Protein backbone atom coordinates (compact mmCIF):
# COMPACT_ATOMS: atom_id res chain seq x y z
CA MET A 1 75.35 80.88 189.90
CA ARG A 2 77.57 83.05 188.15
CA ILE A 3 75.53 85.12 185.31
CA LEU A 4 77.29 86.50 182.12
CA VAL A 5 74.77 89.25 180.89
CA VAL A 6 75.85 90.05 177.44
CA GLY A 7 75.50 93.66 177.34
CA ALA A 8 73.75 96.54 179.40
CA GLY A 9 71.14 97.97 177.48
CA ALA A 10 67.61 98.47 177.62
CA ILE A 11 66.94 94.13 178.26
CA GLY A 12 70.22 93.57 179.58
CA GLY A 13 70.43 96.26 182.09
CA TYR A 14 66.99 95.92 183.29
CA PHE A 15 66.97 92.04 183.99
CA GLY A 16 70.51 91.93 184.92
CA GLY A 17 70.14 94.92 187.13
CA ARG A 18 67.30 93.76 188.80
CA LEU A 19 69.16 90.13 189.69
CA LEU A 20 72.26 92.31 190.45
CA GLN A 21 70.01 94.24 193.00
CA ALA A 22 68.92 90.69 194.62
CA GLY A 23 72.24 89.83 195.58
CA ARG A 24 72.65 87.53 192.48
CA ASP A 25 76.47 87.08 191.15
CA VAL A 26 76.12 89.12 187.93
CA THR A 27 78.58 90.02 185.57
CA PHE A 28 77.83 92.55 182.18
CA LEU A 29 79.91 91.63 179.33
CA VAL A 30 79.92 95.02 177.84
CA ARG A 31 82.10 97.39 175.25
CA PRO A 32 84.73 99.97 176.48
CA ARG A 33 82.32 102.96 176.35
CA ARG A 34 79.47 101.55 178.23
CA ALA A 35 81.71 99.95 180.81
CA GLY A 36 83.18 103.63 181.39
CA GLU A 37 79.43 104.93 181.60
CA LEU A 38 78.72 102.21 184.30
CA ALA A 39 81.87 102.93 186.51
CA SER A 40 81.08 106.78 186.26
CA ALA A 41 77.36 106.78 186.76
CA GLY A 42 76.13 103.10 187.64
CA LEU A 43 73.29 101.23 186.27
CA VAL A 44 70.51 103.29 186.79
CA ILE A 45 67.09 101.63 186.28
CA LYS A 46 64.03 104.00 186.13
CA SER A 47 60.70 102.17 186.56
CA PRO A 48 57.33 101.85 187.52
CA ASN A 49 58.27 98.64 189.51
CA GLY A 50 61.13 100.70 191.36
CA ASP A 51 64.05 103.02 190.81
CA VAL A 52 67.70 101.51 191.63
CA THR A 53 70.93 103.19 191.33
CA LEU A 54 73.34 100.21 191.22
CA LYS A 55 77.05 101.74 191.33
CA ASN A 56 79.99 100.48 189.63
CA PRO A 57 78.20 97.07 188.74
CA PRO A 58 80.79 94.24 187.74
CA THR A 59 81.31 94.39 183.88
CA LEU A 60 83.80 92.37 181.84
CA GLN A 61 85.46 93.20 178.24
CA ALA A 62 85.48 90.39 175.98
CA ASP A 63 89.25 90.31 175.64
CA ALA A 64 89.34 89.74 179.12
CA ILE A 65 87.08 86.20 180.23
CA LYS A 66 89.41 84.30 181.79
CA ASP A 67 86.47 82.18 183.61
CA LYS A 68 83.56 79.94 182.67
CA PHE A 69 80.13 81.02 183.52
CA ASP A 70 76.82 78.90 184.55
CA VAL A 71 74.67 81.06 182.72
CA VAL A 72 74.97 83.72 179.77
CA LEU A 73 71.87 85.94 179.15
CA LEU A 74 71.80 87.30 176.03
CA SER A 75 69.79 89.98 174.85
CA CYS A 76 71.05 91.49 172.02
CA LYS A 77 69.51 92.31 168.53
CA ALA A 78 69.69 89.63 166.02
CA PHE A 79 72.24 91.78 163.67
CA ASP A 80 74.53 91.93 166.47
CA LEU A 81 74.38 88.12 167.49
CA ASP A 82 77.13 87.24 165.11
CA ASP A 83 79.49 89.86 167.47
CA ALA A 84 77.92 89.22 170.29
CA ILE A 85 78.88 85.03 169.95
CA THR A 86 82.52 86.28 169.48
CA SER A 87 82.26 88.40 172.40
CA PHE A 88 81.35 85.55 175.02
CA ALA A 89 82.41 82.38 173.66
CA ALA A 90 85.48 81.81 175.95
CA ALA A 91 82.62 82.10 178.52
CA VAL A 92 80.89 79.33 177.36
CA GLY A 93 82.01 75.56 179.16
CA PRO A 94 80.92 72.00 179.17
CA ASN A 95 78.12 72.96 181.85
CA THR A 96 77.11 76.79 180.35
CA ALA A 97 73.89 77.24 179.66
CA ILE A 98 73.24 79.79 177.31
CA LEU A 99 69.54 81.83 177.46
CA PRO A 100 68.73 83.88 174.46
CA MET A 101 65.91 86.45 174.90
CA LEU A 102 65.81 87.25 171.09
CA ASN A 103 62.82 87.55 168.98
CA GLY A 104 61.99 84.48 166.20
CA MET A 105 63.99 81.13 165.86
CA LYS A 106 66.69 81.75 163.77
CA HIS A 107 68.93 82.27 166.45
CA LEU A 108 68.46 78.93 167.79
CA ASP A 109 70.02 77.37 164.70
CA ILE A 110 72.98 79.61 165.00
CA LEU A 111 73.80 78.77 168.81
CA ASP A 112 73.20 75.30 168.17
CA ALA A 113 75.88 75.25 165.37
CA LYS A 114 78.09 77.07 167.62
CA PHE A 115 77.72 75.67 170.99
CA GLY A 116 75.35 72.41 170.74
CA ASN A 117 71.69 72.68 171.53
CA GLU A 118 72.57 70.98 174.42
CA ARG A 119 73.75 74.24 175.88
CA VAL A 120 70.96 76.44 174.20
CA LEU A 121 67.76 76.90 176.47
CA GLY A 122 64.64 78.84 175.18
CA GLY A 123 63.41 82.17 176.24
CA LEU A 124 61.62 85.00 175.92
CA CYS A 125 60.96 88.18 177.56
CA ALA A 126 58.21 91.08 177.29
CA ILE A 127 59.20 94.42 178.50
CA ALA A 128 58.84 97.91 176.93
CA ALA A 129 62.25 99.59 177.95
CA THR A 130 64.99 101.81 176.67
CA LEU A 131 68.23 103.67 177.35
CA ASN A 132 67.31 107.13 177.46
CA GLU A 133 69.78 110.47 176.27
CA GLN A 134 71.54 109.88 179.97
CA ARG A 135 72.23 106.08 179.24
CA GLU A 136 70.06 104.86 181.93
CA VAL A 137 67.24 102.06 181.91
CA VAL A 138 63.73 103.36 181.59
CA GLN A 139 61.12 101.23 181.72
CA LEU A 140 57.98 102.52 180.16
CA GLN A 141 55.11 100.31 181.04
CA PRO A 142 54.84 98.18 184.67
CA MET A 143 54.12 94.91 182.29
CA GLN A 144 57.25 92.49 182.60
CA SER A 145 57.95 88.96 181.93
CA ILE A 146 60.81 86.70 181.29
CA ASN A 147 60.29 83.15 180.55
CA TYR A 148 63.03 80.17 180.10
CA GLY A 149 62.92 76.69 180.03
CA GLU A 150 64.52 73.38 178.20
CA ARG A 151 63.30 73.10 174.69
CA ASP A 152 62.28 69.82 175.36
CA GLY A 153 59.66 70.40 178.06
CA LYS A 154 61.49 68.84 180.67
CA LEU A 155 61.95 70.20 184.22
CA SER A 156 65.64 69.87 184.34
CA ASP A 157 67.72 70.41 187.81
CA ARG A 158 69.68 73.54 185.74
CA ALA A 159 65.99 75.32 184.82
CA LYS A 160 65.23 74.88 188.59
CA ALA A 161 68.61 76.45 189.60
CA ILE A 162 67.98 79.48 187.08
CA ASP A 163 64.62 79.50 187.91
CA GLU A 164 65.22 80.09 191.85
CA ALA A 165 67.84 82.88 190.83
CA PHE A 166 65.90 84.66 188.48
CA ARG A 167 62.38 84.56 191.03
CA SER A 168 64.55 86.39 193.73
CA GLY A 169 65.16 89.20 191.61
CA ILE A 170 62.66 89.71 188.88
CA ASN A 171 58.94 89.70 189.07
CA GLY A 172 57.27 87.73 186.28
CA ALA A 173 60.23 85.63 186.07
CA THR A 174 58.64 81.90 185.13
CA ALA A 175 60.47 78.81 183.92
CA SER A 176 58.16 77.31 181.44
CA GLN A 177 58.01 73.63 180.29
CA ASN A 178 56.39 74.83 176.92
CA ILE A 179 58.90 77.39 175.85
CA MET A 180 58.96 76.35 172.06
CA GLN A 181 54.87 77.41 172.13
CA ASP A 182 55.40 80.21 174.38
CA MET A 183 58.14 81.72 171.84
CA TRP A 184 56.02 81.15 168.81
CA GLU A 185 53.60 82.55 170.38
CA LYS A 186 55.30 85.80 170.93
CA TRP A 187 56.60 85.61 167.56
CA VAL A 188 53.03 85.17 165.92
CA PHE A 189 52.23 88.59 168.01
CA LEU A 190 55.30 90.82 167.49
CA SER A 191 55.52 90.03 163.72
CA SER A 192 52.10 90.72 162.99
CA LEU A 193 52.11 94.03 165.15
CA ALA A 194 55.88 94.75 163.42
CA ALA A 195 54.86 94.21 159.98
CA SER A 196 51.46 96.21 160.42
CA THR A 197 52.72 99.11 162.09
CA SER A 198 56.08 99.34 160.58
CA LEU A 199 54.28 99.11 156.67
CA MET A 200 51.47 101.62 157.63
CA ARG A 201 54.32 103.87 159.37
CA THR A 202 51.37 104.40 162.65
CA SER A 203 49.86 103.16 165.56
CA VAL A 204 47.18 100.12 166.04
CA GLY A 205 44.46 102.73 166.44
CA ASN A 206 45.31 104.77 163.30
CA ILE A 207 45.26 101.33 161.07
CA LEU A 208 41.99 100.54 163.00
CA ALA A 209 40.30 104.22 162.18
CA ALA A 210 41.80 103.86 158.35
CA PRO A 211 39.20 102.19 155.76
CA GLY A 212 40.14 98.59 156.23
CA GLY A 213 42.34 98.65 158.63
CA ARG A 214 40.83 95.98 161.03
CA ASP A 215 40.77 93.60 158.02
CA PHE A 216 44.28 94.22 157.71
CA LEU A 217 45.41 93.60 160.57
CA LEU A 218 43.39 90.41 161.29
CA GLY A 219 44.37 89.32 157.84
CA MET A 220 48.11 90.15 159.15
CA LEU A 221 47.39 87.89 162.36
CA ASP A 222 46.08 85.19 160.29
CA GLU A 223 48.91 84.59 158.05
CA THR A 224 51.57 84.39 160.82
CA SER A 225 49.32 82.02 163.02
CA ALA A 226 48.96 79.95 159.99
CA ILE A 227 53.03 79.71 159.67
CA ALA A 228 52.57 78.88 163.57
CA ALA A 229 50.24 75.73 162.89
CA ALA A 230 52.26 74.63 159.90
CA SER A 231 55.02 74.41 162.09
CA GLY A 232 53.10 72.62 164.71
CA TYR A 233 52.85 75.45 167.53
CA PRO A 234 49.05 76.33 166.51
CA PRO A 235 48.42 79.48 168.18
CA GLY A 236 45.00 79.78 170.71
CA GLY A 237 43.18 79.69 173.41
CA PRO A 238 43.48 82.94 175.84
CA PHE A 239 46.58 84.48 174.43
CA PHE A 240 45.28 84.24 171.02
CA GLU A 241 42.22 86.01 172.37
CA ARG A 242 44.19 88.77 174.33
CA VAL A 243 46.30 89.37 171.06
CA LYS A 244 43.50 89.77 169.23
CA GLY A 245 41.98 92.23 171.13
CA ASN A 246 45.32 93.99 170.89
CA LEU A 247 45.23 94.39 167.64
CA THR A 248 41.72 95.70 167.47
CA ALA A 249 41.73 98.26 170.36
CA GLU A 250 40.17 101.23 168.81
CA GLY A 251 42.55 104.35 169.64
CA SER A 252 45.23 101.90 170.66
CA PRO A 253 48.60 103.98 170.61
CA MET A 254 50.66 100.61 170.03
CA THR A 255 53.47 100.23 167.91
CA ALA A 256 56.34 97.73 167.26
CA SER A 257 59.81 98.67 168.52
CA MET A 258 60.61 97.74 164.71
CA PHE A 259 58.49 100.70 163.56
CA ARG A 260 59.94 102.95 166.22
CA ASP A 261 63.35 101.97 165.04
CA ILE A 262 62.54 102.77 161.27
CA LYS A 263 61.58 106.50 162.63
CA ALA A 264 64.94 106.75 164.76
CA GLY A 265 66.69 105.76 161.65
CA LEU A 266 67.97 102.59 163.13
CA PRO A 267 68.84 99.10 161.57
CA VAL A 268 65.96 96.64 162.41
CA GLU A 269 65.61 92.88 162.31
CA ALA A 270 63.63 92.32 158.84
CA ASP A 271 65.23 88.90 157.81
CA HIS A 272 65.33 87.47 161.52
CA VAL A 273 61.33 88.50 162.76
CA ILE A 274 59.64 88.55 158.86
CA GLY A 275 62.16 86.90 156.27
CA ASP A 276 62.17 83.85 158.42
CA LEU A 277 58.59 83.42 158.67
CA ILE A 278 58.26 83.83 155.02
CA ALA A 279 60.94 81.41 154.47
CA ARG A 280 58.77 78.72 156.82
CA ALA A 281 55.53 79.76 155.17
CA ASP A 282 57.41 78.90 151.57
CA ALA A 283 58.51 75.58 153.14
CA ALA A 284 55.12 74.53 154.43
CA LYS A 285 53.04 76.36 151.35
CA VAL A 286 51.16 78.76 153.32
CA PRO A 287 50.37 81.93 151.32
CA VAL A 288 51.32 85.13 153.25
CA PRO A 289 50.70 87.73 150.77
CA LYS A 290 50.38 90.92 153.20
CA LEU A 291 53.93 89.65 154.95
CA ARG A 292 55.50 89.59 151.66
CA ILE A 293 54.16 93.46 151.13
CA ALA A 294 56.02 94.09 154.68
CA TYR A 295 58.94 92.23 154.17
CA THR A 296 59.65 94.25 150.68
CA HIS A 297 58.98 97.68 152.69
CA LEU A 298 61.64 96.59 154.93
CA LYS A 299 64.07 95.61 153.13
CA ALA A 300 63.68 98.76 150.55
CA TYR A 301 64.09 100.73 153.90
CA GLU A 302 67.32 98.74 154.95
CA LYS A 303 68.79 99.31 151.17
CA GLN A 304 68.12 103.15 151.74
CA ARG A 305 69.58 103.41 155.28
CA ALA A 306 72.72 101.45 153.74
CA GLY A 307 72.83 104.12 150.79
């Protein structure tokens, strides 16, 4: 199975690197600068689950793609999606499976329109990772998972083949027969955390310690959960209790990567993670006043950053 990992940043570098470490046929589609870094220093992963340096990993640049791949693992940010599609389109053939790790749902419509929904799987990952100043992939916590599956819930032959390849190298790799529910549940948690910590510019623990903080966090979770339910994917059971626990853990240092990006002056996925949820809420006539304030805040940040 030939796997093309689009990008070698924190997410693509980690999961692609673990697959390469396990002997899978992995190539990284990268820009010239990253290609040079990987050629000179290798792909370095520093992790509680074991460090590794993969010397001279296989890389490819967009204008050099000549062959089709079996799987395209897509881990870019939403605001880079159009450029990413342009870069890997030549690698997509009749039997290629595109496995996106993006947050939210909007990217599925974009990929479907370009490549056909039969080529686009559902997928998500959970990992805290970053690139440090040396451009090494650093995993910040031991927790990691990557889920993938057919969006109709069937355990197809290609899903089984991907599962076999991924499980050989990645702890926490799982083929899911409920991938759309999984994606919605992650979106509920991520959007609640991102909207809350970005708007309040601080951690869950500090929000909880403020007057009205607990009600604010749980109110945000109620809004996102109502949108998921109206869309046919109500969160519940162990997942919902775990998320509720995460958002009510006193003293928790937890923040969303979106908030950390704001602190660093970086672009954010305001439209993809929050704006699209509000559009779905409007379509279903679900009131979301807290989400709207968070979205206005994020768009104001984007305007300030552009200026």
